[in-house]
């Protein structure tokens, strides 16, 4: 028998269900309560109307919101790129080449070393409120190393992405076509059983539109659903390709034409913005305001990786999005919860309404707005995942 718990005396509850609260996208309820039974939310509403339960937790006038959904990360790797970051912050520009440094270290690492690294960063993210995360391969670039990365990731999340097409493997530098054949053939066969998604870095210096289409189409034929690194460093075909192939998400979306924005607005493809990458490379910020005003669904994610965005903190990304990408605090919080869920085509997470998974966080603050208002402060004081308090 599962036991029921009410979390009561919540100053501000973010449900992400407009029908439950103030009719805003966040569905805010003041002086609220949430009832959990087993691993599900079974009731949300005003504290005074909460049903009787087996257990009671007093939130003490704090805010409660859905656990963050990080829909873009690269956590299976070894080593770091401190020197590259230091050099870049001292005046050198970012190029895709640094990925090769991580490939060398990752290939040399044991399974135990890679998994220890992965669990360390997952613990870090969980303490900061992330209850669902997606992660990718892409630092092995051989059949064995890519399938190993996905096998390790699949022990820790259902949201596993095959990214054999991160860059052309250094082993195939003189024959990119042969590498694309490997990624869509033997490597795909080895990786598909461990993954839900397929991704490609569609960018100058990585894969062009035709290569990306071939890779994603091959993945779809194997039952993997597309997502894509699109339009990060320059204008390119990535966003249009994402919409054409019904990708769940086009990620980065920094350099967009009006046609790209229109295509996203008229599709089910989410624009996932990764402000940690722009912060860590001193690059141009994505224009979230332009996307939101056009009606595009926007997600916020960390892009946690050792090269261009070595942060596991969605609260930090929320603060950046509000300060530098012209999102409101409400929009940024929605994008880091419900937006991330939408980018993973999930309806059971990213909200706190009956039937949702009981993934939620308590802030050391009376309102979700404090996530942007108090940047860099560790505000997450409690985390429940699947109905169990884990932090």
Protein backbone atom coordinates (compact mmCIF):
# COMPACT_ATOMS: atom_id res chain seq x y z
CA UNK A 1 0.00 0.00 0.00
CA UNK A 2 1.32 3.43 -0.87
CA UNK A 3 0.96 6.18 1.70
CA UNK A 4 -0.35 9.65 0.95
CA UNK A 5 1.38 12.88 1.87
CA UNK A 6 0.16 16.47 1.82
CA UNK A 7 2.64 19.30 1.43
CA UNK A 8 0.82 22.25 2.91
CA UNK A 9 1.42 25.92 3.76
CA UNK A 10 2.88 26.61 0.28
CA UNK A 11 3.07 30.37 -0.35
CA UNK A 12 3.07 30.04 -4.14
CA UNK A 13 2.47 26.80 -6.04
CA UNK A 14 3.42 26.52 -9.72
CA UNK A 15 1.18 23.85 -11.30
CA UNK A 16 1.73 24.68 -15.02
CA UNK A 17 -1.99 23.94 -15.39
CA UNK A 18 -3.93 27.18 -16.05
CA UNK A 19 -7.24 25.52 -15.12
CA UNK A 20 -6.05 24.82 -11.57
CA UNK A 21 -4.79 28.25 -10.66
CA UNK A 22 -4.89 31.84 -11.84
CA UNK A 23 -5.45 31.02 -15.54
CA UNK A 24 -1.84 32.00 -16.33
CA UNK A 25 0.45 29.47 -18.07
CA UNK A 26 2.03 28.75 -14.66
CA UNK A 27 -1.36 28.03 -13.08
CA UNK A 28 -0.33 29.72 -9.84
CA UNK A 29 -2.13 28.88 -6.59
CA UNK A 30 -1.52 30.99 -3.47
CA UNK A 31 -1.61 29.47 0.05
CA UNK A 32 -1.66 26.05 -1.58
CA UNK A 33 -1.21 22.35 -0.93
CA UNK A 34 -0.19 19.31 -2.99
CA UNK A 35 -1.19 15.74 -2.21
CA UNK A 36 1.08 12.88 -3.30
CA UNK A 37 0.02 9.23 -3.30
CA UNK A 38 2.75 6.78 -4.27
CA UNK A 39 4.67 8.31 -7.17
CA UNK A 40 1.82 10.56 -8.40
CA UNK A 41 0.23 13.89 -7.65
CA UNK A 42 -3.43 13.24 -6.81
CA UNK A 43 -4.63 16.69 -5.72
CA UNK A 44 -3.55 20.35 -5.84
CA UNK A 45 -5.39 23.41 -4.63
CA UNK A 46 -5.86 25.81 -1.75
CA UNK A 47 -4.44 24.62 1.57
CA UNK A 48 -7.77 24.95 3.41
CA UNK A 49 -9.43 22.47 1.03
CA UNK A 50 -6.78 19.74 1.13
CA UNK A 51 -8.08 16.21 1.79
CA UNK A 52 -6.91 14.11 4.73
CA UNK A 53 -3.66 12.16 4.22
CA UNK A 54 -1.37 9.76 6.08
CA UNK A 55 1.53 12.25 6.32
CA UNK A 56 1.92 16.00 6.41
CA UNK A 57 4.84 18.21 5.38
CA UNK A 58 4.77 21.92 6.24
CA UNK A 59 6.36 24.00 3.46
CA UNK A 60 6.59 26.93 5.86
CA UNK A 61 5.46 29.59 3.41
CA UNK A 62 7.89 28.56 0.70
CA UNK A 63 7.28 28.17 -3.04
CA UNK A 64 6.78 24.76 -4.66
CA UNK A 65 7.19 24.05 -8.35
CA UNK A 66 7.59 21.07 -10.68
CA UNK A 67 11.04 19.51 -10.81
CA UNK A 68 13.17 20.96 -13.60
CA UNK A 69 13.31 19.02 -16.87
CA UNK A 70 16.76 19.29 -18.46
CA UNK A 71 16.16 18.19 -22.03
CA UNK A 72 19.71 18.68 -23.39
CA UNK A 73 22.94 17.50 -21.75
CA UNK A 74 26.15 15.65 -22.61
CA UNK A 75 27.13 13.88 -19.40
CA UNK A 76 28.97 10.76 -20.56
CA UNK A 77 32.55 12.00 -20.87
CA UNK A 78 35.93 11.99 -19.18
CA UNK A 79 38.39 14.78 -18.42
CA UNK A 80 37.65 18.47 -18.66
CA UNK A 81 38.66 21.43 -20.82
CA UNK A 82 39.82 23.93 -18.21
CA UNK A 83 42.74 25.10 -20.36
CA UNK A 84 40.49 25.68 -23.39
CA UNK A 85 38.02 27.69 -21.27
CA UNK A 86 40.83 29.70 -19.69
CA UNK A 87 42.31 30.48 -23.11
CA UNK A 88 38.91 31.45 -24.53
CA UNK A 89 38.19 33.78 -21.61
CA UNK A 90 41.63 35.23 -22.23
CA UNK A 91 40.83 36.09 -25.84
CA UNK A 92 40.64 33.02 -28.09
CA UNK A 93 37.37 32.18 -29.89
CA UNK A 94 35.30 28.97 -29.58
CA UNK A 95 35.31 26.43 -32.42
CA UNK A 96 33.89 22.93 -32.62
CA UNK A 97 37.44 21.45 -32.58
CA UNK A 98 37.69 21.16 -28.82
CA UNK A 99 35.29 18.20 -28.88
CA UNK A 100 38.22 16.05 -30.08
CA UNK A 101 40.03 16.62 -26.77
CA UNK A 102 37.08 15.12 -24.88
CA UNK A 103 36.79 12.26 -27.40
CA UNK A 104 40.39 11.24 -26.65
CA UNK A 105 39.83 11.30 -22.88
CA UNK A 106 36.47 9.50 -23.09
CA UNK A 107 37.80 6.68 -25.26
CA UNK A 108 40.62 6.12 -22.74
CA UNK A 109 38.31 6.02 -19.70
CA UNK A 110 36.92 2.83 -18.16
CA UNK A 111 33.19 2.16 -17.84
CA UNK A 112 33.49 2.71 -14.08
CA UNK A 113 35.17 6.10 -14.56
CA UNK A 114 32.54 7.26 -17.05
CA UNK A 115 29.66 6.13 -14.85
CA UNK A 116 31.18 7.73 -11.74
CA UNK A 117 31.46 11.00 -13.65
CA UNK A 118 27.86 10.70 -14.89
CA UNK A 119 26.43 10.03 -11.43
CA UNK A 120 28.44 12.90 -9.96
CA UNK A 121 26.92 15.41 -12.39
CA UNK A 122 23.46 13.90 -11.96
CA UNK A 123 23.74 14.34 -8.20
CA UNK A 124 24.81 17.94 -8.74
CA UNK A 125 21.80 18.56 -11.00
CA UNK A 126 19.38 16.84 -8.61
CA UNK A 127 20.47 19.05 -5.70
CA UNK A 128 19.63 22.03 -7.92
CA UNK A 129 16.14 20.73 -8.66
CA UNK A 130 16.51 18.72 -11.88
CA UNK A 131 14.32 15.62 -11.62
CA UNK A 132 14.32 14.57 -15.30
CA UNK A 133 17.25 14.84 -17.67
CA UNK A 134 18.13 13.86 -21.21
CA UNK A 135 21.71 12.98 -22.03
CA UNK A 136 23.60 12.12 -25.19
CA UNK A 137 26.50 10.08 -26.46
CA UNK A 138 28.87 11.84 -28.84
CA UNK A 139 32.28 11.68 -27.18
CA UNK A 140 33.17 8.18 -28.36
CA UNK A 141 32.58 8.32 -32.13
CA UNK A 142 33.32 4.59 -32.56
CA UNK A 143 30.71 1.82 -32.62
CA UNK A 144 31.97 0.45 -29.30
CA UNK A 145 32.36 3.78 -27.50
CA UNK A 146 29.05 5.24 -28.63
CA UNK A 147 27.06 2.14 -27.66
CA UNK A 148 28.93 2.01 -24.33
CA UNK A 149 28.01 5.63 -23.56
CA UNK A 150 24.32 4.97 -24.27
CA UNK A 151 24.29 1.75 -22.25
CA UNK A 152 25.72 3.61 -19.23
CA UNK A 153 23.30 6.55 -19.65
CA UNK A 154 20.29 4.22 -19.93
CA UNK A 155 20.96 2.97 -16.38
CA UNK A 156 20.13 6.47 -15.12
CA UNK A 157 17.48 7.94 -17.46
CA UNK A 158 14.87 6.94 -20.03
CA UNK A 159 15.78 9.99 -22.11
CA UNK A 160 18.88 8.75 -23.93
CA UNK A 161 20.04 10.26 -27.23
CA UNK A 162 22.36 8.74 -29.83
CA UNK A 163 24.72 11.51 -31.04
CA UNK A 164 27.26 9.60 -33.10
CA UNK A 165 26.99 12.64 -35.40
CA UNK A 166 28.50 15.12 -32.92
CA UNK A 167 31.47 15.81 -35.18
CA UNK A 168 33.10 13.72 -37.91
CA UNK A 169 35.31 11.27 -36.03
CA UNK A 170 39.02 12.22 -36.22
CA UNK A 171 39.55 8.69 -37.58
CA UNK A 172 37.52 9.69 -40.66
CA UNK A 173 38.81 13.26 -41.10
CA UNK A 174 39.67 12.59 -44.75
CA UNK A 175 36.43 10.74 -45.56
CA UNK A 176 33.33 12.28 -43.95
CA UNK A 177 31.02 10.29 -46.25
CA UNK A 178 32.40 7.03 -44.84
CA UNK A 179 31.75 8.31 -41.32
CA UNK A 180 28.15 9.20 -42.18
CA UNK A 181 27.79 5.65 -43.56
CA UNK A 182 29.09 4.27 -40.25
CA UNK A 183 26.76 6.50 -38.17
CA UNK A 184 23.72 5.45 -40.24
CA UNK A 185 24.78 1.79 -40.46
CA UNK A 186 26.76 -0.34 -38.03
CA UNK A 187 26.92 2.31 -35.29
CA UNK A 188 23.18 2.97 -35.47
CA UNK A 189 22.46 -0.77 -35.26
CA UNK A 190 24.58 -1.03 -32.10
CA UNK A 191 23.19 2.12 -30.49
CA UNK A 192 19.46 2.06 -31.29
CA UNK A 193 18.55 -0.55 -28.62
CA UNK A 194 19.85 1.76 -25.86
CA UNK A 195 18.38 5.08 -27.06
CA UNK A 196 15.04 6.84 -27.52
CA UNK A 197 16.34 9.78 -29.59
CA UNK A 198 18.79 10.55 -32.40
CA UNK A 199 20.57 13.89 -32.69
CA UNK A 200 23.05 15.54 -35.07
CA UNK A 201 25.21 18.67 -34.82
CA UNK A 202 24.15 20.46 -38.01
CA UNK A 203 26.76 23.21 -38.32
CA UNK A 204 29.75 24.37 -40.36
CA UNK A 205 32.62 22.18 -39.18
CA UNK A 206 30.25 19.35 -38.23
CA UNK A 207 27.46 18.04 -40.54
CA UNK A 208 25.69 19.84 -43.39
CA UNK A 209 21.97 19.71 -44.10
CA UNK A 210 22.10 16.73 -46.47
CA UNK A 211 24.25 14.69 -44.08
CA UNK A 212 22.01 15.62 -41.15
CA UNK A 213 18.87 14.63 -43.06
CA UNK A 214 20.39 11.24 -43.97
CA UNK A 215 21.42 10.58 -40.35
CA UNK A 216 18.10 11.58 -38.78
CA UNK A 217 16.08 9.73 -41.43
CA UNK A 218 18.09 6.54 -40.80
CA UNK A 219 17.44 6.95 -37.08
CA UNK A 220 13.70 7.38 -37.65
CA UNK A 221 13.68 4.15 -39.66
CA UNK A 222 15.15 2.41 -36.59
CA UNK A 223 12.46 3.85 -34.31
CA UNK A 224 14.51 6.72 -32.86
CA UNK A 225 12.89 10.14 -32.76
CA UNK A 226 14.88 13.16 -34.06
CA UNK A 227 16.22 16.18 -32.18
CA UNK A 228 18.88 18.45 -33.64
CA UNK A 229 21.64 20.90 -32.72
CA UNK A 230 20.52 23.73 -34.98
CA UNK A 231 21.68 27.24 -35.90
CA UNK A 232 24.08 27.63 -32.96
CA UNK A 233 27.16 29.21 -34.50
CA UNK A 234 25.69 30.50 -37.76
CA UNK A 235 22.61 30.55 -39.99
CA UNK A 236 22.03 27.09 -41.44
CA UNK A 237 19.47 24.48 -42.49
CA UNK A 238 19.05 22.91 -39.03
CA UNK A 239 15.78 24.51 -37.95
CA UNK A 240 14.05 23.91 -41.28
CA UNK A 241 15.25 20.30 -41.20
CA UNK A 242 13.92 19.88 -37.66
CA UNK A 243 10.46 21.02 -38.72
CA UNK A 244 10.54 18.92 -41.92
CA UNK A 245 11.36 15.74 -39.95
CA UNK A 246 9.02 16.51 -37.00
CA UNK A 247 11.96 16.70 -34.60
CA UNK A 248 10.83 17.07 -30.98
CA UNK A 249 13.31 19.88 -30.49
CA UNK A 250 15.66 22.22 -32.35
CA UNK A 251 18.38 23.12 -29.86
CA UNK A 252 20.39 26.38 -29.60
CA UNK A 253 18.42 28.43 -32.22
CA UNK A 254 20.78 31.40 -31.89
CA UNK A 255 20.93 32.49 -35.56
CA UNK A 256 17.43 32.46 -37.05
CA UNK A 257 15.78 33.98 -40.11
CA UNK A 258 12.15 35.10 -40.05
CA UNK A 259 11.35 31.95 -42.05
CA UNK A 260 12.96 29.81 -39.33
CA UNK A 261 10.87 31.47 -36.63
CA UNK A 262 7.68 31.04 -38.70
CA UNK A 263 8.49 27.36 -39.34
CA UNK A 264 8.93 26.72 -35.61
CA UNK A 265 5.76 28.62 -34.73
CA UNK A 266 3.73 26.47 -37.13
CA UNK A 267 5.16 23.13 -35.97
CA UNK A 268 5.28 20.82 -32.95
CA UNK A 269 9.06 21.34 -32.72
CA UNK A 270 10.23 23.06 -29.53
CA UNK A 271 13.01 25.67 -29.63
CA UNK A 272 15.35 24.63 -26.80
CA UNK A 273 17.57 27.52 -25.71
CA UNK A 274 20.85 26.85 -23.93
CA UNK A 275 22.08 30.12 -22.40
CA UNK A 276 24.93 28.39 -20.58
CA UNK A 277 26.61 27.92 -23.96
CA UNK A 278 26.42 31.60 -24.88
CA UNK A 279 27.57 32.56 -21.38
CA UNK A 280 30.57 30.21 -21.54
CA UNK A 281 31.63 31.17 -25.06
CA UNK A 282 30.77 34.91 -24.93
CA UNK A 283 28.56 34.37 -27.96
CA UNK A 284 25.46 36.23 -29.10
CA UNK A 285 22.39 35.41 -26.98
CA UNK A 286 19.40 33.68 -28.60
CA UNK A 287 16.46 36.06 -28.92
CA UNK A 288 13.89 34.27 -26.78
CA UNK A 289 11.55 37.27 -26.93
CA UNK A 290 11.31 37.03 -30.72
CA UNK A 291 10.47 33.32 -30.52
CA UNK A 292 7.91 33.69 -27.74
CA UNK A 293 6.18 36.63 -29.40
CA UNK A 294 5.85 34.55 -32.58
CA UNK A 295 4.14 31.73 -30.65
CA UNK A 296 7.05 29.27 -30.61
CA UNK A 297 7.19 26.80 -27.69
CA UNK A 298 10.47 27.45 -25.86
CA UNK A 299 12.38 25.15 -23.51
CA UNK A 300 15.40 26.05 -21.37
CA UNK A 301 18.17 23.56 -20.76
CA UNK A 302 21.75 23.48 -19.45
CA UNK A 303 23.62 21.85 -22.37
CA UNK A 304 25.89 20.56 -19.58
CA UNK A 305 29.13 19.50 -21.32
CA UNK A 306 32.84 19.96 -20.61
CA UNK A 307 33.51 22.26 -23.55
CA UNK A 308 30.97 25.00 -24.08
CA UNK A 309 28.57 24.95 -21.11
CA UNK A 310 29.92 23.24 -18.02
CA UNK A 311 26.95 23.96 -15.77
CA UNK A 312 24.34 21.56 -14.39
CA UNK A 313 22.26 24.39 -12.90
CA UNK A 314 18.87 25.17 -14.41
CA UNK A 315 18.35 27.97 -11.84
CA UNK A 316 21.46 29.63 -13.30
CA UNK A 317 20.06 29.21 -16.84
CA UNK A 318 16.73 30.71 -15.72
CA UNK A 319 18.55 33.78 -14.37
CA UNK A 320 20.50 34.16 -17.64
CA UNK A 321 17.35 33.78 -19.73
CA UNK A 322 15.58 36.53 -17.79
CA UNK A 323 18.55 38.89 -17.68
CA UNK A 324 19.99 38.41 -21.17
CA UNK A 325 17.37 36.70 -23.36
CA UNK A 326 14.43 38.97 -22.46
CA UNK A 327 12.24 36.24 -20.96
CA UNK A 328 9.96 37.07 -18.04
CA UNK A 329 10.58 35.10 -14.82
CA UNK A 330 7.30 33.24 -15.42
CA UNK A 331 8.29 32.30 -18.98
CA UNK A 332 11.74 31.10 -17.91
CA UNK A 333 10.35 28.90 -15.13
CA UNK A 334 7.72 27.44 -17.50
CA UNK A 335 10.40 26.74 -20.12
CA UNK A 336 12.64 24.93 -17.60
CA UNK A 337 9.76 22.70 -16.46
CA UNK A 338 6.81 22.29 -18.86
CA UNK A 339 8.93 23.44 -21.81
CA UNK A 340 11.53 20.77 -21.17
CA UNK A 341 8.79 18.16 -20.83
CA UNK A 342 7.34 19.26 -24.18
CA UNK A 343 10.81 19.02 -25.77
CA UNK A 344 10.87 15.38 -24.60
CA UNK A 345 7.25 14.84 -25.69
CA UNK A 346 6.29 13.94 -22.13
CA UNK A 347 2.99 14.81 -20.45
CA UNK A 348 3.65 13.10 -17.08
CA UNK A 349 6.31 15.57 -15.92
CA UNK A 350 6.81 19.34 -15.86
CA UNK A 351 3.47 19.98 -14.14
CA UNK A 352 1.89 19.51 -10.71
CA UNK A 353 -1.66 18.47 -11.48
CA UNK A 354 -3.52 15.22 -10.78
CA UNK A 355 -1.95 12.27 -12.59
CA UNK A 356 1.46 13.89 -13.00
CA UNK A 357 4.57 12.23 -11.63
CA UNK A 358 5.32 13.55 -8.14
CA UNK A 359 8.52 15.37 -9.08
CA UNK A 360 8.66 18.69 -7.24
CA UNK A 361 10.97 21.16 -5.55
CA UNK A 362 10.66 23.49 -2.57
CA UNK A 363 12.47 26.83 -2.76
CA UNK A 364 13.94 28.73 0.15
CA UNK A 365 11.80 31.64 -1.04
CA UNK A 366 8.10 32.55 -1.21
CA UNK A 367 7.97 32.78 -5.02
CA UNK A 368 9.43 31.14 -8.14
CA UNK A 369 10.49 34.66 -9.24
CA UNK A 370 13.39 34.41 -6.77
CA UNK A 371 15.12 31.97 -9.15
CA UNK A 372 15.91 34.96 -11.37
CA UNK A 373 15.79 37.62 -8.63
CA UNK A 374 18.50 35.92 -6.51
CA UNK A 375 20.96 34.56 -9.09
CA UNK A 376 23.65 32.18 -7.90
CA UNK A 377 21.98 31.55 -4.54
CA UNK A 378 21.21 27.87 -3.76
CA UNK A 379 17.46 28.25 -3.26
CA UNK A 380 16.38 24.63 -3.78
CA UNK A 381 15.87 23.25 -0.27
CA UNK A 382 13.86 20.11 -0.98
CA UNK A 383 13.43 17.76 -3.96
CA UNK A 384 10.90 14.96 -4.42
CA UNK A 385 11.27 12.53 -7.29
CA UNK A 386 8.58 9.93 -8.01
CA UNK A 387 6.99 10.80 -4.69
CA UNK A 388 10.13 10.24 -2.60
CA UNK A 389 12.08 13.04 -0.95
CA UNK A 390 15.61 12.72 -2.36
CA UNK A 391 17.15 16.07 -1.28
